[in-house]
């Protein structure tokens, strides 16, 4: 199955997709504006934070799946995908480690009074 990965994606996962029989085209530098031209021959589109517009979805005749490698689907035009019968999916929970790291960083910032100390430092520079 022809697959376009239009965002940064781990090489190990790309190799795994190839082993499963996917014909992967990796273009992490693609912009949202380039997607309508790039997506034409592909059946699957994988993005992370890139916006997938109605234009991009309508341009590709064989597209069957738009996959967001992350949580949520807010960057994908769901209405356009539904109108074409294109499945849209995401990977909920895959960013749980990053969320946990952020929580602990914020807890440490509160404990060490980082916002107050930054404000104090900035007030002394004036």
PDB file of N, CA and C in Angstrom:
ATOM      1  N   UNK A   1       0.837  -1.166   0.000  1.00  0.00           N
ATOM      2  CA  UNK A   1       0.000   0.000   0.000  1.00  0.00           C
ATOM      3  C   UNK A   1       0.891   1.241   0.000  1.00  0.00           C
ATOM      4  N   UNK A   2       0.626   2.164  -0.888  1.00  0.00           N
ATOM      5  CA  UNK A   2       1.440   3.372  -0.981  1.00  0.00           C
ATOM      6  C   UNK A   2       1.104   4.304   0.176  1.00  0.00           C
ATOM      7  N   UNK A   3       2.150   4.671   0.926  1.00  0.00           N
ATOM      8  CA  UNK A   3       1.985   5.472   2.138  1.00  0.00           C
ATOM      9  C   UNK A   3       2.895   6.684   2.076  1.00  0.00           C
ATOM     10  N   UNK A   4       2.322   7.849   2.363  1.00  0.00           N
ATOM     11  CA  UNK A   4       3.099   9.085   2.441  1.00  0.00           C
ATOM     12  C   UNK A   4       3.188   9.505   3.895  1.00  0.00           C
ATOM     13  N   UNK A   5       4.404   9.657   4.397  1.00  0.00           N
ATOM     14  CA  UNK A   5       4.631  10.184   5.743  1.00  0.00           C
ATOM     15  C   UNK A   5       5.149  11.598   5.553  1.00  0.00           C
ATOM     16  N   UNK A   6       4.322  12.577   5.939  1.00  0.00           N
ATOM     17  CA  UNK A   6       4.614  13.976   5.633  1.00  0.00           C
ATOM     18  C   UNK A   6       5.083  14.772   6.845  1.00  0.00           C
ATOM     19  N   UNK A   7       5.592  14.096   7.858  1.00  0.00           N
ATOM     20  CA  UNK A   7       6.142  14.741   9.046  1.00  0.00           C
ATOM     21  C   UNK A   7       7.299  13.894   9.549  1.00  0.00           C
ATOM     22  N   UNK A   8       8.035  14.427  10.527  1.00  0.00           N
ATOM     23  CA  UNK A   8       9.123  13.641  11.107  1.00  0.00           C
ATOM     24  C   UNK A   8       8.549  12.374  11.715  1.00  0.00           C
ATOM     25  N   UNK A   9       9.260  11.275  11.498  1.00  0.00           N
ATOM     26  CA  UNK A   9       8.782   9.968  11.933  1.00  0.00           C
ATOM     27  C   UNK A   9      10.007   9.098  12.188  1.00  0.00           C
ATOM     28  N   UNK A  10      10.020   8.308  13.251  1.00  0.00           N
ATOM     29  CA  UNK A  10      11.200   7.484  13.550  1.00  0.00           C
ATOM     30  C   UNK A  10      11.510   6.479  12.436  1.00  0.00           C
ATOM     31  N   UNK A  11      12.777   6.376  12.088  1.00  0.00           N
ATOM     32  CA  UNK A  11      13.223   5.463  11.031  1.00  0.00           C
ATOM     33  C   UNK A  11      12.843   4.014  11.325  1.00  0.00           C
ATOM     34  N   UNK A  12      12.885   3.617  12.585  1.00  0.00           N
ATOM     35  CA  UNK A  12      12.541   2.231  12.934  1.00  0.00           C
ATOM     36  C   UNK A  12      11.093   1.918  12.589  1.00  0.00           C
ATOM     37  N   UNK A  13      10.213   2.895  12.773  1.00  0.00           N
ATOM     38  CA  UNK A  13       8.807   2.684  12.441  1.00  0.00           C
ATOM     39  C   UNK A  13       8.599   2.630  10.927  1.00  0.00           C
ATOM     40  N   UNK A  14       9.375   3.415  10.203  1.00  0.00           N
ATOM     41  CA  UNK A  14       9.298   3.380   8.743  1.00  0.00           C
ATOM     42  C   UNK A  14       9.739   2.003   8.244  1.00  0.00           C
ATOM     43  N   UNK A  15      10.813   1.485   8.818  1.00  0.00           N
ATOM     44  CA  UNK A  15      11.292   0.149   8.442  1.00  0.00           C
ATOM     45  C   UNK A  15      10.232  -0.912   8.755  1.00  0.00           C
ATOM     46  N   UNK A  16       9.566  -0.759   9.884  1.00  0.00           N
ATOM     47  CA  UNK A  16       8.506  -1.707  10.257  1.00  0.00           C
ATOM     48  C   UNK A  16       7.347  -1.646   9.263  1.00  0.00           C
ATOM     49  N   UNK A  17       6.968  -0.457   8.833  1.00  0.00           N
ATOM     50  CA  UNK A  17       5.903  -0.321   7.837  1.00  0.00           C
ATOM     51  C   UNK A  17       6.306  -0.978   6.516  1.00  0.00           C
ATOM     52  N   UNK A  18       7.573  -0.828   6.133  1.00  0.00           N
ATOM     53  CA  UNK A  18       8.064  -1.483   4.919  1.00  0.00           C
ATOM     54  C   UNK A  18       7.986  -2.998   5.049  1.00  0.00           C
ATOM     55  N   UNK A  19       8.321  -3.526   6.228  1.00  0.00           N
ATOM     56  CA  UNK A  19       8.238  -4.970   6.463  1.00  0.00           C
ATOM     57  C   UNK A  19       6.803  -5.480   6.373  1.00  0.00           C
ATOM     58  N   UNK A  20       5.853  -4.632   6.724  1.00  0.00           N
ATOM     59  CA  UNK A  20       4.442  -5.017   6.649  1.00  0.00           C
ATOM     60  C   UNK A  20       3.891  -4.962   5.227  1.00  0.00           C
ATOM     61  N   UNK A  21       4.711  -4.471   4.296  1.00  0.00           N
ATOM     62  CA  UNK A  21       4.289  -4.424   2.901  1.00  0.00           C
ATOM     63  C   UNK A  21       3.879  -3.057   2.406  1.00  0.00           C
ATOM     64  N   UNK A  22       4.044  -2.050   3.217  1.00  0.00           N
ATOM     65  CA  UNK A  22       3.721  -0.689   2.783  1.00  0.00           C
ATOM     66  C   UNK A  22       4.869  -0.142   1.941  1.00  0.00           C
ATOM     67  N   UNK A  23       4.528   0.568   0.907  1.00  0.00           N
ATOM     68  CA  UNK A  23       5.517   1.255   0.092  1.00  0.00           C
ATOM     69  C   UNK A  23       5.562   2.691   0.611  1.00  0.00           C
ATOM     70  N   UNK A  24       6.562   2.984   1.470  1.00  0.00           N
ATOM     71  CA  UNK A  24       6.606   4.242   2.211  1.00  0.00           C
ATOM     72  C   UNK A  24       7.418   5.291   1.471  1.00  0.00           C
ATOM     73  N   UNK A  25       6.823   6.481   1.325  1.00  0.00           N
ATOM     74  CA  UNK A  25       7.519   7.646   0.814  1.00  0.00           C
ATOM     75  C   UNK A  25       7.614   8.627   1.972  1.00  0.00           C
ATOM     76  N   UNK A  26       8.830   8.968   2.371  1.00  0.00           N
ATOM     77  CA  UNK A  26       9.066   9.800   3.555  1.00  0.00           C
ATOM     78  C   UNK A  26       9.457  11.200   3.127  1.00  0.00           C
ATOM     79  N   UNK A  27       8.609  12.175   3.428  1.00  0.00           N
ATOM     80  CA  UNK A  27       8.843  13.574   3.051  1.00  0.00           C
ATOM     81  C   UNK A  27       8.547  14.464   4.260  1.00  0.00           C
ATOM     82  N   UNK A  28       9.441  14.480   5.282  1.00  0.00           N
ATOM     83  CA  UNK A  28       9.168  15.251   6.500  1.00  0.00           C
ATOM     84  C   UNK A  28       9.181  16.755   6.298  1.00  0.00           C
ATOM     85  N   UNK A  29       9.817  17.222   5.234  1.00  0.00           N
ATOM     86  CA  UNK A  29       9.907  18.662   5.012  1.00  0.00           C
ATOM     87  C   UNK A  29       8.703  19.212   4.233  1.00  0.00           C
ATOM     88  N   UNK A  30       7.765  18.360   3.877  1.00  0.00           N
ATOM     89  CA  UNK A  30       6.599  18.804   3.111  1.00  0.00           C
ATOM     90  C   UNK A  30       5.785  19.807   3.919  1.00  0.00           C
ATOM     91  N   UNK A  31       5.306  20.819   3.246  1.00  0.00           N
ATOM     92  CA  UNK A  31       4.450  21.810   3.899  1.00  0.00           C
ATOM     93  C   UNK A  31       2.994  21.457   3.646  1.00  0.00           C
ATOM     94  N   UNK A  32       2.110  22.056   4.429  1.00  0.00           N
ATOM     95  CA  UNK A  32       0.674  21.820   4.256  1.00  0.00           C
ATOM     96  C   UNK A  32       0.232  22.259   2.861  1.00  0.00           C
ATOM     97  N   UNK A  33       0.849  23.311   2.330  1.00  0.00           N
ATOM     98  CA  UNK A  33       0.503  23.801   0.992  1.00  0.00           C
ATOM     99  C   UNK A  33       0.921  22.826  -0.107  1.00  0.00           C
ATOM    100  N   UNK A  34       1.954  22.021   0.148  1.00  0.00           N
ATOM    101  CA  UNK A  34       2.433  21.047  -0.836  1.00  0.00           C
ATOM    102  C   UNK A  34       1.638  19.747  -0.821  1.00  0.00           C
ATOM    103  N   UNK A  35       0.897  19.491   0.252  1.00  0.00           N
ATOM    104  CA  UNK A  35       0.188  18.220   0.377  1.00  0.00           C
ATOM    105  C   UNK A  35      -0.754  17.900  -0.783  1.00  0.00           C
ATOM    106  N   UNK A  36      -1.551  18.848  -1.270  1.00  0.00           N
ATOM    107  CA  UNK A  36      -2.440  18.490  -2.379  1.00  0.00           C
ATOM    108  C   UNK A  36      -1.701  17.913  -3.593  1.00  0.00           C
ATOM    109  N   UNK A  37      -0.514  18.416  -3.886  1.00  0.00           N
ATOM    110  CA  UNK A  37       0.259  17.893  -5.013  1.00  0.00           C
ATOM    111  C   UNK A  37       0.949  16.575  -4.670  1.00  0.00           C
ATOM    112  N   UNK A  38       1.415  16.427  -3.424  1.00  0.00           N
ATOM    113  CA  UNK A  38       2.145  15.227  -3.024  1.00  0.00           C
ATOM    114  C   UNK A  38       1.251  14.018  -2.808  1.00  0.00           C
ATOM    115  N   UNK A  39       0.050  14.236  -2.355  1.00  0.00           N
ATOM    116  CA  UNK A  39      -0.801  13.145  -1.867  1.00  0.00           C
ATOM    117  C   UNK A  39      -1.449  12.318  -2.983  1.00  0.00           C
ATOM    118  N   UNK A  40      -1.442  12.812  -4.190  1.00  0.00           N
ATOM    119  CA  UNK A  40      -2.215  12.199  -5.288  1.00  0.00           C
ATOM    120  C   UNK A  40      -2.115  10.679  -5.405  1.00  0.00           C
ATOM    121  N   UNK A  41      -0.925  10.080  -5.455  1.00  0.00           N
ATOM    122  CA  UNK A  41      -0.887   8.630  -5.697  1.00  0.00           C
ATOM    123  C   UNK A  41      -0.992   7.747  -4.450  1.00  0.00           C
ATOM    124  N   UNK A  42      -1.193   8.333  -3.268  1.00  0.00           N
ATOM    125  CA  UNK A  42      -1.095   7.555  -2.037  1.00  0.00           C
ATOM    126  C   UNK A  42      -2.444   7.141  -1.480  1.00  0.00           C
ATOM    127  N   UNK A  43      -2.427   5.978  -0.839  1.00  0.00           N
ATOM    128  CA  UNK A  43      -3.629   5.441  -0.202  1.00  0.00           C
ATOM    129  C   UNK A  43      -3.692   5.817   1.276  1.00  0.00           C
ATOM    130  N   UNK A  44      -2.516   6.037   1.897  1.00  0.00           N
ATOM    131  CA  UNK A  44      -2.439   6.383   3.320  1.00  0.00           C
ATOM    132  C   UNK A  44      -1.567   7.629   3.479  1.00  0.00           C
ATOM    133  N   UNK A  45      -2.023   8.550   4.323  1.00  0.00           N
ATOM    134  CA  UNK A  45      -1.249   9.735   4.663  1.00  0.00           C
ATOM    135  C   UNK A  45      -1.029   9.737   6.167  1.00  0.00           C
ATOM    136  N   UNK A  46       0.221   9.890   6.586  1.00  0.00           N
ATOM    137  CA  UNK A  46       0.568   9.955   8.005  1.00  0.00           C
ATOM    138  C   UNK A  46       1.151  11.336   8.284  1.00  0.00           C
ATOM    139  N   UNK A  47       0.566  12.034   9.263  1.00  0.00           N
ATOM    140  CA  UNK A  47       1.047  13.357   9.667  1.00  0.00           C
ATOM    141  C   UNK A  47       1.143  13.398  11.180  1.00  0.00           C
ATOM    142  N   UNK A  48       1.828  14.396  11.667  1.00  0.00           N
ATOM    143  CA  UNK A  48       1.874  14.620  13.115  1.00  0.00           C
ATOM    144  C   UNK A  48       1.140  15.922  13.429  1.00  0.00           C
ATOM    145  N   UNK A  49       1.735  17.056  13.098  1.00  0.00           N
ATOM    146  CA  UNK A  49       1.107  18.334  13.396  1.00  0.00           C
ATOM    147  C   UNK A  49       0.724  19.107  12.153  1.00  0.00           C
ATOM    148  N   UNK A  50       0.971  18.537  11.002  1.00  0.00           N
ATOM    149  CA  UNK A  50       0.712  19.224   9.737  1.00  0.00           C
ATOM    150  C   UNK A  50      -0.787  19.289   9.466  1.00  0.00           C
ATOM    151  N   UNK A  51      -1.249  20.428   8.946  1.00  0.00           N
ATOM    152  CA  UNK A  51      -2.662  20.600   8.614  1.00  0.00           C
ATOM    153  C   UNK A  51      -2.985  19.873   7.311  1.00  0.00           C
ATOM    154  N   UNK A  52      -4.044  19.079   7.346  1.00  0.00           N
ATOM    155  CA  UNK A  52      -4.523  18.374   6.165  1.00  0.00           C
ATOM    156  C   UNK A  52      -5.848  19.020   5.783  1.00  0.00           C
ATOM    157  N   UNK A  53      -5.829  19.776   4.712  1.00  0.00           N
ATOM    158  CA  UNK A  53      -6.994  20.558   4.297  1.00  0.00           C
ATOM    159  C   UNK A  53      -7.921  19.728   3.419  1.00  0.00           C
ATOM    160  N   UNK A  54      -9.092  20.280   3.183  1.00  0.00           N
ATOM    161  CA  UNK A  54     -10.054  19.643   2.284  1.00  0.00           C
ATOM    162  C   UNK A  54      -9.456  19.501   0.888  1.00  0.00           C
ATOM    163  N   UNK A  55      -8.682  20.491   0.481  1.00  0.00           N
ATOM    164  CA  UNK A  55      -8.008  20.461  -0.817  1.00  0.00           C
ATOM    165  C   UNK A  55      -7.129  19.223  -0.956  1.00  0.00           C
ATOM    166  N   UNK A  56      -6.358  18.945   0.060  1.00  0.00           N
ATOM    167  CA  UNK A  56      -5.463  17.790   0.034  1.00  0.00           C
ATOM    168  C   UNK A  56      -6.251  16.486  -0.038  1.00  0.00           C
ATOM    169  N   UNK A  57      -7.315  16.394   0.726  1.00  0.00           N
ATOM    170  CA  UNK A  57      -8.116  15.160   0.758  1.00  0.00           C
ATOM    171  C   UNK A  57      -8.826  14.944  -0.576  1.00  0.00           C
ATOM    172  N   UNK A  58      -9.344  16.002  -1.163  1.00  0.00           N
ATOM    173  CA  UNK A  58     -10.083  15.880  -2.418  1.00  0.00           C
ATOM    174  C   UNK A  58      -9.176  15.628  -3.614  1.00  0.00           C
ATOM    175  N   UNK A  59      -7.908  15.983  -3.505  1.00  0.00           N
ATOM    176  CA  UNK A  59      -6.964  15.826  -4.611  1.00  0.00           C
ATOM    177  C   UNK A  59      -6.588  14.373  -4.851  1.00  0.00           C
ATOM    178  N   UNK A  60      -6.499  13.595  -3.784  1.00  0.00           N
ATOM    179  CA  UNK A  60      -6.042  12.218  -3.903  1.00  0.00           C
ATOM    180  C   UNK A  60      -7.216  11.288  -4.180  1.00  0.00           C
ATOM    181  N   UNK A  61      -7.165  10.627  -5.315  1.00  0.00           N
ATOM    182  CA  UNK A  61      -8.232   9.689  -5.665  1.00  0.00           C
ATOM    183  C   UNK A  61      -8.200   8.422  -4.812  1.00  0.00           C
ATOM    184  N   UNK A  62      -7.022   7.803  -4.614  1.00  0.00           N
ATOM    185  CA  UNK A  62      -7.049   6.530  -3.890  1.00  0.00           C
ATOM    186  C   UNK A  62      -6.982   6.644  -2.365  1.00  0.00           C
ATOM    187  N   UNK A  63      -6.915   7.844  -1.795  1.00  0.00           N
ATOM    188  CA  UNK A  63      -6.708   7.967  -0.348  1.00  0.00           C
ATOM    189  C   UNK A  63      -7.825   7.255   0.416  1.00  0.00           C
ATOM    190  N   UNK A  64      -7.416   6.464   1.397  1.00  0.00           N
ATOM    191  CA  UNK A  64      -8.381   5.713   2.205  1.00  0.00           C
ATOM    192  C   UNK A  64      -8.243   6.028   3.685  1.00  0.00           C
ATOM    193  N   UNK A  65      -7.038   6.484   4.110  1.00  0.00           N
ATOM    194  CA  UNK A  65      -6.785   6.697   5.532  1.00  0.00           C
ATOM    195  C   UNK A  65      -5.867   7.889   5.742  1.00  0.00           C
ATOM    196  N   UNK A  66      -6.248   8.762   6.653  1.00  0.00           N
ATOM    197  CA  UNK A  66      -5.366   9.835   7.124  1.00  0.00           C
ATOM    198  C   UNK A  66      -5.117   9.532   8.590  1.00  0.00           C
ATOM    199  N   UNK A  67      -3.853   9.333   8.931  1.00  0.00           N
ATOM    200  CA  UNK A  67      -3.482   8.943  10.285  1.00  0.00           C
ATOM    201  C   UNK A  67      -2.681  10.047  10.943  1.00  0.00           C
ATOM    202  N   UNK A  68      -3.121  10.482  12.099  1.00  0.00           N
ATOM    203  CA  UNK A  68      -2.369  11.466  12.878  1.00  0.00           C
ATOM    204  C   UNK A  68      -1.530  10.703  13.885  1.00  0.00           C
ATOM    205  N   UNK A  69      -0.229  10.782  13.762  1.00  0.00           N
ATOM    206  CA  UNK A  69       0.686  10.109  14.679  1.00  0.00           C
ATOM    207  C   UNK A  69       0.803  10.957  15.940  1.00  0.00           C
ATOM    208  N   UNK A  70      -0.230  10.944  16.734  1.00  0.00           N
ATOM    209  CA  UNK A  70      -0.321  11.735  17.952  1.00  0.00           C
ATOM    210  C   UNK A  70      -1.753  11.736  18.435  1.00  0.00           C
ATOM    211  N   UNK A  71      -2.025  12.564  19.397  1.00  0.00           N
ATOM    212  CA  UNK A  71      -3.372  12.642  19.956  1.00  0.00           C
ATOM    213  C   UNK A  71      -4.192  13.679  19.202  1.00  0.00           C
ATOM    214  N   UNK A  72      -5.469  13.439  19.092  1.00  0.00           N
ATOM    215  CA  UNK A  72      -6.367  14.395  18.467  1.00  0.00           C
ATOM    216  C   UNK A  72      -6.317  14.348  16.955  1.00  0.00           C
ATOM    217  N   UNK A  73      -7.313  14.970  16.340  1.00  0.00           N
ATOM    218  CA  UNK A  73      -7.374  15.058  14.882  1.00  0.00           C
ATOM    219  C   UNK A  73      -7.734  16.485  14.460  1.00  0.00           C
ATOM    220  N   UNK A  74      -7.405  17.439  15.309  1.00  0.00           N
ATOM    221  CA  UNK A  74      -7.790  18.829  15.072  1.00  0.00           C
ATOM    222  C   UNK A  74      -7.086  19.468  13.881  1.00  0.00           C
ATOM    223  N   UNK A  75      -6.059  18.847  13.338  1.00  0.00           N
ATOM    224  CA  UNK A  75      -5.349  19.413  12.191  1.00  0.00           C
ATOM    225  C   UNK A  75      -5.823  18.811  10.874  1.00  0.00           C
ATOM    226  N   UNK A  76      -6.834  17.970  10.928  1.00  0.00           N
ATOM    227  CA  UNK A  76      -7.337  17.282   9.740  1.00  0.00           C
ATOM    228  C   UNK A  76      -8.773  17.738   9.477  1.00  0.00           C
ATOM    229  N   UNK A  77      -9.089  18.046   8.229  1.00  0.00           N
ATOM    230  CA  UNK A  77     -10.442  18.455   7.865  1.00  0.00           C
ATOM    231  C   UNK A  77     -11.340  17.211   7.850  1.00  0.00           C
ATOM    232  N   UNK A  78     -11.997  16.973   8.975  1.00  0.00           N
ATOM    233  CA  UNK A  78     -12.823  15.777   9.153  1.00  0.00           C
ATOM    234  C   UNK A  78     -14.018  15.782   8.203  1.00  0.00           C
ATOM    235  N   UNK A  79     -14.647  16.934   8.013  1.00  0.00           N
ATOM    236  CA  UNK A  79     -15.828  17.010   7.143  1.00  0.00           C
ATOM    237  C   UNK A  79     -15.484  16.589   5.710  1.00  0.00           C
ATOM    238  N   UNK A  80     -14.363  17.072   5.215  1.00  0.00           N
ATOM    239  CA  UNK A  80     -13.946  16.715   3.858  1.00  0.00           C
ATOM    240  C   UNK A  80     -13.622  15.229   3.768  1.00  0.00           C
ATOM    241  N   UNK A  81     -12.999  14.695   4.795  1.00  0.00           N
ATOM    242  CA  UNK A  81     -12.673  13.268   4.806  1.00  0.00           C
ATOM    243  C   UNK A  81     -13.949  12.425   4.841  1.00  0.00           C
ATOM    244  N   UNK A  82     -14.901  12.807   5.677  1.00  0.00           N
ATOM    245  CA  UNK A  82     -16.172  12.079   5.753  1.00  0.00           C
ATOM    246  C   UNK A  82     -16.913  12.118   4.426  1.00  0.00           C
ATOM    247  N   UNK A  83     -16.892  13.256   3.776  1.00  0.00           N
ATOM    248  CA  UNK A  83     -17.584  13.402   2.490  1.00  0.00           C
ATOM    249  C   UNK A  83     -17.009  12.471   1.431  1.00  0.00           C
ATOM    250  N   UNK A  84     -15.719  12.175   1.517  1.00  0.00           N
ATOM    251  CA  UNK A  84     -15.058  11.280   0.550  1.00  0.00           C
ATOM    252  C   UNK A  84     -14.995   9.842   1.023  1.00  0.00           C
ATOM    253  N   UNK A  85     -15.442   9.568   2.241  1.00  0.00           N
ATOM    254  CA  UNK A  85     -15.369   8.210   2.775  1.00  0.00           C
ATOM    255  C   UNK A  85     -13.968   7.821   3.217  1.00  0.00           C
ATOM    256  N   UNK A  86     -13.182   8.811   3.588  1.00  0.00           N
ATOM    257  CA  UNK A  86     -11.801   8.586   4.022  1.00  0.00           C
ATOM    258  C   UNK A  86     -11.791   8.422   5.541  1.00  0.00           C
ATOM    259  N   UNK A  87     -11.181   7.355   6.020  1.00  0.00           N
ATOM    260  CA  UNK A  87     -11.061   7.134   7.454  1.00  0.00           C
ATOM    261  C   UNK A  87     -10.004   8.068   8.031  1.00  0.00           C
ATOM    262  N   UNK A  88     -10.270   8.597   9.219  1.00  0.00           N
ATOM    263  CA  UNK A  88      -9.319   9.443   9.934  1.00  0.00           C
ATOM    264  C   UNK A  88      -9.099   8.816  11.291  1.00  0.00           C
ATOM    265  N   UNK A  89      -7.845   8.663  11.668  1.00  0.00           N
ATOM    266  CA  UNK A  89      -7.539   8.031  12.946  1.00  0.00           C
ATOM    267  C   UNK A  89      -6.368   8.753  13.598  1.00  0.00           C
ATOM    268  N   UNK A  90      -6.174   8.471  14.881  1.00  0.00           N
ATOM    269  CA  UNK A  90      -5.035   9.032  15.610  1.00  0.00           C
ATOM    270  C   UNK A  90      -4.438   7.955  16.504  1.00  0.00           C
ATOM    271  N   UNK A  91      -3.457   8.320  17.273  1.00  0.00           N
ATOM    272  CA  UNK A  91      -2.769   7.386  18.165  1.00  0.00           C
ATOM    273  C   UNK A  91      -2.855   7.906  19.592  1.00  0.00           C
ATOM    274  N   UNK A  92      -4.018   7.811  20.219  1.00  0.00           N
ATOM    275  CA  UNK A  92      -4.144   8.358  21.572  1.00  0.00           C
ATOM    276  C   UNK A  92      -3.242   7.627  22.556  1.00  0.00           C
ATOM    277  N   UNK A  93      -2.708   8.389  23.480  1.00  0.00           N
ATOM    278  CA  UNK A  93      -1.865   7.798  24.514  1.00  0.00           C
ATOM    279  C   UNK A  93      -0.403   7.686  24.145  1.00  0.00           C
ATOM    280  N   UNK A  94      -0.058   7.871  22.895  1.00  0.00           N
ATOM    281  CA  UNK A  94       1.340   7.745  22.479  1.00  0.00           C
ATOM    282  C   UNK A  94       2.205   8.876  23.001  1.00  0.00           C
ATOM    283  N   UNK A  95       1.594   9.972  23.388  1.00  0.00           N
ATOM    284  CA  UNK A  95       2.363  11.097  23.909  1.00  0.00           C
ATOM    285  C   UNK A  95       2.318  11.155  25.435  1.00  0.00           C
ATOM    286  N   UNK A  96       1.921  10.074  26.074  1.00  0.00           N
ATOM    287  CA  UNK A  96       1.771  10.080  27.532  1.00  0.00           C
ATOM    288  C   UNK A  96       3.095  10.317  28.256  1.00  0.00           C
ATOM    289  N   UNK A  97       4.198   9.841  27.717  1.00  0.00           N
ATOM    290  CA  UNK A  97       5.497  10.077  28.344  1.00  0.00           C
ATOM    291  C   UNK A  97       5.840  11.558  28.310  1.00  0.00           C
ATOM    292  N   UNK A  98       5.607  12.200  27.183  1.00  0.00           N
ATOM    293  CA  UNK A  98       5.888  13.637  27.069  1.00  0.00           C
ATOM    294  C   UNK A  98       5.005  14.437  28.017  1.00  0.00           C
ATOM    295  N   UNK A  99       3.754  14.039  28.159  1.00  0.00           N
ATOM    296  CA  UNK A  99       2.841  14.740  29.077  1.00  0.00           C
ATOM    297  C   UNK A  99       3.312  14.571  30.517  1.00  0.00           C
ATOM    298  N   UNK A 100       3.725  13.365  30.878  1.00  0.00           N
ATOM    299  CA  UNK A 100       4.220  13.121  32.234  1.00  0.00           C
ATOM    300  C   UNK A 100       5.480  13.945  32.515  1.00  0.00           C
ATOM    301  N   UNK A 101       6.376  14.030  31.532  1.00  0.00           N
ATOM    302  CA  UNK A 101       7.583  14.842  31.704  1.00  0.00           C
ATOM    303  C   UNK A 101       7.230  16.306  31.914  1.00  0.00           C
ATOM    304  N   UNK A 102       6.270  16.815  31.159  1.00  0.00           N
ATOM    305  CA  UNK A 102       5.844  18.199  31.304  1.00  0.00           C
ATOM    306  C   UNK A 102       5.241  18.444  32.684  1.00  0.00           C
ATOM    307  N   UNK A 103       4.433  17.517  33.165  1.00  0.00           N
ATOM    308  CA  UNK A 103       3.819  17.658  34.493  1.00  0.00           C
ATOM    309  C   UNK A 103       4.900  17.763  35.563  1.00  0.00           C
ATOM    310  N   UNK A 104       5.891  16.887  35.506  1.00  0.00           N
ATOM    311  CA  UNK A 104       6.961  16.928  36.507  1.00  0.00           C
ATOM    312  C   UNK A 104       7.788  18.210  36.386  1.00  0.00           C
ATOM    313  N   UNK A 105       8.031  18.667  35.160  1.00  0.00           N
ATOM    314  CA  UNK A 105       8.769  19.926  34.982  1.00  0.00           C
ATOM    315  C   UNK A 105       7.994  21.094  35.574  1.00  0.00           C
ATOM    316  N   UNK A 106       6.683  21.110  35.369  1.00  0.00           N
ATOM    317  CA  UNK A 106       5.869  22.183  35.936  1.00  0.00           C
ATOM    318  C   UNK A 106       5.811  22.105  37.458  1.00  0.00           C
ATOM    319  N   UNK A 107       5.743  20.892  37.991  1.00  0.00           N
ATOM    320  CA  UNK A 107       5.772  20.732  39.448  1.00  0.00           C
ATOM    321  C   UNK A 107       7.082  21.241  40.031  1.00  0.00           C
ATOM    322  N   UNK A 108       8.192  20.935  39.382  1.00  0.00           N
ATOM    323  CA  UNK A 108       9.487  21.432  39.847  1.00  0.00           C
ATOM    324  C   UNK A 108       9.561  22.951  39.752  1.00  0.00           C
ATOM    325  N   UNK A 109       8.987  23.508  38.672  1.00  0.00           N
ATOM    326  CA  UNK A 109       8.983  24.966  38.518  1.00  0.00           C
ATOM    327  C   UNK A 109       8.193  25.629  39.639  1.00  0.00           C
ATOM    328  N   UNK A 110       7.071  25.017  40.011  1.00  0.00           N
ATOM    329  CA  UNK A 110       6.275  25.559  41.116  1.00  0.00           C
ATOM    330  C   UNK A 110       7.027  25.430  42.432  1.00  0.00           C
ATOM    331  N   UNK A 111       7.626  24.251  42.644  1.00  0.00           N
ATOM    332  CA  UNK A 111       8.348  24.006  43.891  1.00  0.00           C
ATOM    333  C   UNK A 111       9.536  24.959  44.044  1.00  0.00           C
ATOM    334  N   UNK A 112      10.216  25.225  42.972  1.00  0.00           N
ATOM    335  CA  UNK A 112      11.395  26.100  43.006  1.00  0.00           C
ATOM    336  C   UNK A 112      11.046  27.560  42.753  1.00  0.00           C
ATOM    337  N   UNK A 113       9.778  27.855  42.634  1.00  0.00           N
ATOM    338  CA  UNK A 113       9.276  29.211  42.424  1.00  0.00           C
ATOM    339  C   UNK A 113       9.927  29.889  41.215  1.00  0.00           C
ATOM    340  N   UNK A 114      10.019  29.143  40.151  1.00  0.00           N
ATOM    341  CA  UNK A 114      10.658  29.656  38.941  1.00  0.00           C
ATOM    342  C   UNK A 114       9.933  30.889  38.386  1.00  0.00           C
ATOM    343  N   UNK A 115       8.598  30.883  38.254  1.00  0.00           N
ATOM    344  CA  UNK A 115       7.950  32.096  37.706  1.00  0.00           C
ATOM    345  C   UNK A 115       8.209  33.352  38.553  1.00  0.00           C
ATOM    346  N   UNK A 116       8.151  33.198  39.896  1.00  0.00           N
ATOM    347  CA  UNK A 116       8.390  34.349  40.764  1.00  0.00           C
ATOM    348  C   UNK A 116       9.831  34.843  40.638  1.00  0.00           C
ATOM    349  N   UNK A 117      10.768  33.913  40.579  1.00  0.00           N
ATOM    350  CA  UNK A 117      12.178  34.281  40.459  1.00  0.00           C
ATOM    351  C   UNK A 117      12.479  34.950  39.119  1.00  0.00           C
ATOM    352  N   UNK A 118      11.838  34.495  38.065  1.00  0.00           N
ATOM    353  CA  UNK A 118      12.015  35.129  36.757  1.00  0.00           C
ATOM    354  C   UNK A 118      11.475  36.557  36.798  1.00  0.00           C
ATOM    355  N   UNK A 119      10.308  36.733  37.400  1.00  0.00           N
ATOM    356  CA  UNK A 119       9.720  38.074  37.503  1.00  0.00           C
ATOM    357  C   UNK A 119      10.615  39.000  38.318  1.00  0.00           C
ATOM    358  N   UNK A 120      11.176  38.494  39.413  1.00  0.00           N
ATOM    359  CA  UNK A 120      12.083  39.289  40.236  1.00  0.00           C
ATOM    360  C   UNK A 120      13.338  39.676  39.463  1.00  0.00           C
ATOM    361  N   UNK A 121      13.899  38.715  38.762  1.00  0.00           N
ATOM    362  CA  UNK A 121      15.091  38.972  37.961  1.00  0.00           C
ATOM    363  C   UNK A 121      14.816  40.025  36.893  1.00  0.00           C
ATOM    364  N   UNK A 122      13.709  39.909  36.230  1.00  0.00           N
ATOM    365  CA  UNK A 122      13.375  40.882  35.179  1.00  0.00           C
ATOM    366  C   UNK A 122      13.123  42.271  35.740  1.00  0.00           C
ATOM    367  N   UNK A 123      12.576  42.334  36.945  1.00  0.00           N
ATOM    368  CA  UNK A 123      12.313  43.670  37.538  1.00  0.00           C
ATOM    369  C   UNK A 123      13.624  44.362  37.931  1.00  0.00           C
ATOM    370  N   UNK A 124      14.686  43.608  38.218  1.00  0.00           N
ATOM    371  CA  UNK A 124      15.984  44.188  38.570  1.00  0.00           C
ATOM    372  C   UNK A 124      16.765  44.671  37.351  1.00  0.00           C
ATOM    373  N   UNK A 125      16.422  44.151  36.172  1.00  0.00           N
ATOM    374  CA  UNK A 125      17.147  44.543  34.962  1.00  0.00           C
ATOM    375  C   UNK A 125      16.695  45.883  34.426  1.00  0.00           C
ATOM    376  N   UNK A 126      15.602  46.405  34.867  1.00  0.00           N
ATOM    377  CA  UNK A 126      15.074  47.652  34.316  1.00  0.00           C
ATOM    378  C   UNK A 126      15.775  48.819  34.842  1.00  0.00           C
TER     379      UNK A 126
END
